[in-house]
Amino acid sequence: MKKIILLYGFNKFQTEQVKKAVVMLNYEVKTVEKEQYGWLLGELIGEYDVAESHDENLEIPGRMMVVSGVAENEIANIFAVLRSATEKLTYHKAVVTPTNMNWTSARLFMEVDSEYREIKRRQRLRR
């Protein structure tokens, strides 16, 4: 898989911060437009041909960063680098996998958001 970082809901300044942070790691940074939220992740990262039609009415109610092409042993490092570049932002993070490559961006956001909410719920219960 190609080394690509997909950004959802990031403004131009935030996108530039991410680009600067990963320039030495050879990641391409792409901003995903609202019209592309119905595309499969595989299409967005160039692994699949782009389909002729997509659902154009999908929403992502927040920021999300999706990393493609990262080796399993590099995941913590890349997210540490990205966290330092985006320290004041809150956003969901995900890695492209063979399974979610067939998901739309909107579906991925829903899955990651659900996991995030469950983690937060468990943290509150432990207190």
Protein backbone atom coordinates (compact mmCIF):
# COMPACT_ATOMS: atom_id res chain seq x y z
CA MET A 1 0.00 0.00 0.00
CA LYS A 2 1.10 3.53 -0.74
CA LYS A 3 2.21 5.77 2.13
CA ILE A 4 -0.70 8.21 2.27
CA ILE A 5 -2.35 10.21 5.02
CA LEU A 6 -5.98 11.11 4.40
CA LEU A 7 -7.30 14.16 6.24
CA TYR A 8 -10.97 14.91 6.90
CA GLY A 9 -12.11 18.25 8.31
CA PHE A 10 -8.62 19.74 8.60
CA ASN A 11 -8.19 23.35 7.44
CA LYS A 12 -5.31 24.50 5.19
CA PHE A 13 -3.05 25.51 8.07
CA GLN A 14 -3.58 22.20 9.88
CA THR A 15 -2.97 20.29 6.64
CA GLU A 16 0.31 22.15 6.12
CA GLN A 17 1.39 21.27 9.67
CA VAL A 18 0.80 17.60 8.96
CA LYS A 19 2.68 17.82 5.65
CA LYS A 20 5.68 19.43 7.35
CA ALA A 21 5.70 16.78 10.08
CA VAL A 22 5.80 13.82 7.68
CA VAL A 23 7.89 15.19 4.82
CA MET A 24 10.95 13.15 5.87
CA LEU A 25 8.82 10.00 6.22
CA ASN A 26 7.76 10.18 2.55
CA TYR A 27 4.01 10.24 3.15
CA GLU A 28 1.69 11.88 0.67
CA VAL A 29 -0.95 13.96 2.45
CA LYS A 30 -4.39 14.22 0.86
CA THR A 31 -7.39 16.25 1.96
CA VAL A 32 -10.59 14.28 1.41
CA GLU A 33 -13.42 16.47 0.21
CA LYS A 34 -17.01 16.04 1.40
CA GLU A 35 -17.99 14.75 -2.06
CA GLN A 36 -15.52 11.87 -1.56
CA TYR A 37 -16.91 10.61 1.79
CA GLY A 38 -18.82 7.91 -0.13
CA TRP A 39 -15.71 6.61 -1.87
CA LEU A 40 -14.08 3.42 -0.66
CA LEU A 41 -10.81 3.91 1.18
CA GLY A 42 -9.16 1.75 -1.48
CA GLU A 43 -10.22 4.29 -4.11
CA LEU A 44 -8.91 7.22 -2.06
CA ILE A 45 -5.46 5.68 -1.63
CA GLY A 46 -5.21 4.58 -5.25
CA GLU A 47 -5.46 0.82 -4.68
CA TYR A 48 -8.79 0.57 -6.55
CA ASP A 49 -10.08 2.23 -9.68
CA VAL A 50 -12.55 4.98 -8.86
CA ALA A 51 -16.15 3.82 -9.34
CA GLU A 52 -18.47 5.72 -11.65
CA SER A 53 -20.90 6.66 -8.88
CA HIS A 54 -20.87 7.07 -5.11
CA ASP A 55 -23.25 8.06 -2.35
CA GLU A 56 -22.75 11.81 -2.11
CA ASN A 57 -24.89 12.46 0.96
CA LEU A 58 -22.61 11.03 3.63
CA GLU A 59 -21.39 13.02 6.61
CA ILE A 60 -18.36 12.91 8.85
CA PRO A 61 -19.20 15.02 11.91
CA GLY A 62 -15.64 15.76 12.98
CA ARG A 63 -11.99 15.50 12.02
CA MET A 64 -10.35 12.22 11.11
CA MET A 65 -6.88 11.14 10.00
CA VAL A 66 -6.38 7.85 8.18
CA VAL A 67 -2.89 6.47 7.55
CA SER A 68 -2.13 4.03 4.74
CA GLY A 69 1.04 2.08 4.06
CA VAL A 70 2.42 2.14 7.59
CA ALA A 71 4.14 -0.99 8.86
CA GLU A 72 2.72 -2.44 12.06
CA ASN A 73 5.93 -1.71 13.97
CA GLU A 74 5.85 1.96 12.82
CA ILE A 75 2.28 2.83 13.83
CA ALA A 76 3.16 4.24 17.25
CA ASN A 77 6.01 6.30 15.77
CA ILE A 78 3.97 7.86 12.96
CA PHE A 79 1.14 8.79 15.32
CA ALA A 80 3.65 10.30 17.78
CA VAL A 81 5.06 12.46 14.97
CA LEU A 82 1.56 13.46 13.89
CA ARG A 83 0.45 14.16 17.47
CA SER A 84 3.31 16.63 17.90
CA ALA A 85 2.24 18.46 14.72
CA THR A 86 -1.43 18.57 15.72
CA GLU A 87 -1.16 18.74 19.51
CA LYS A 88 -4.05 21.15 20.00
CA LEU A 89 -6.48 19.27 17.75
CA THR A 90 -8.87 16.48 18.54
CA TYR A 91 -9.55 13.99 15.79
CA HIS A 92 -10.14 10.32 15.22
CA LYS A 93 -7.24 8.23 13.96
CA ALA A 94 -7.29 5.05 11.90
CA VAL A 95 -5.04 2.87 9.79
CA VAL A 96 -6.10 1.39 6.44
CA THR A 97 -6.37 -2.40 6.68
CA PRO A 98 -7.38 -5.05 4.14
CA THR A 99 -10.81 -5.13 5.79
CA ASN A 100 -11.59 -1.42 5.98
CA MET A 101 -10.18 -0.71 2.52
CA ASN A 102 -13.64 -1.74 1.28
CA TRP A 103 -15.42 0.74 3.58
CA THR A 104 -16.48 4.28 2.84
CA SER A 105 -14.90 7.09 4.83
CA ALA A 106 -18.24 7.67 6.55
CA ARG A 107 -18.44 4.04 7.67
CA LEU A 108 -14.87 4.13 8.97
CA PHE A 109 -15.65 7.28 10.94
CA MET A 110 -18.71 5.62 12.50
CA GLU A 111 -16.66 2.56 13.50
CA VAL A 112 -13.80 4.60 14.96
CA ASP A 113 -16.22 6.92 16.75
CA SER A 114 -18.05 3.94 18.25
CA GLU A 115 -14.77 2.47 19.52
CA TYR A 116 -13.73 5.86 20.91
CA ARG A 117 -17.03 6.22 22.79
CA GLU A 118 -16.70 2.71 24.23
CA ILE A 119 -13.16 3.43 25.46
CA LYS A 120 -14.34 6.67 27.10
CA ARG A 121 -17.28 4.85 28.71
CA ARG A 122 -14.96 2.21 30.18
CA GLN A 123 -12.61 4.90 31.49
CA ARG A 124 -15.50 6.62 33.26
CA LEU A 125 -16.59 3.33 34.83
CA ARG A 126 -13.10 2.74 36.25
CA ARG A 127 -13.10 6.05 38.11
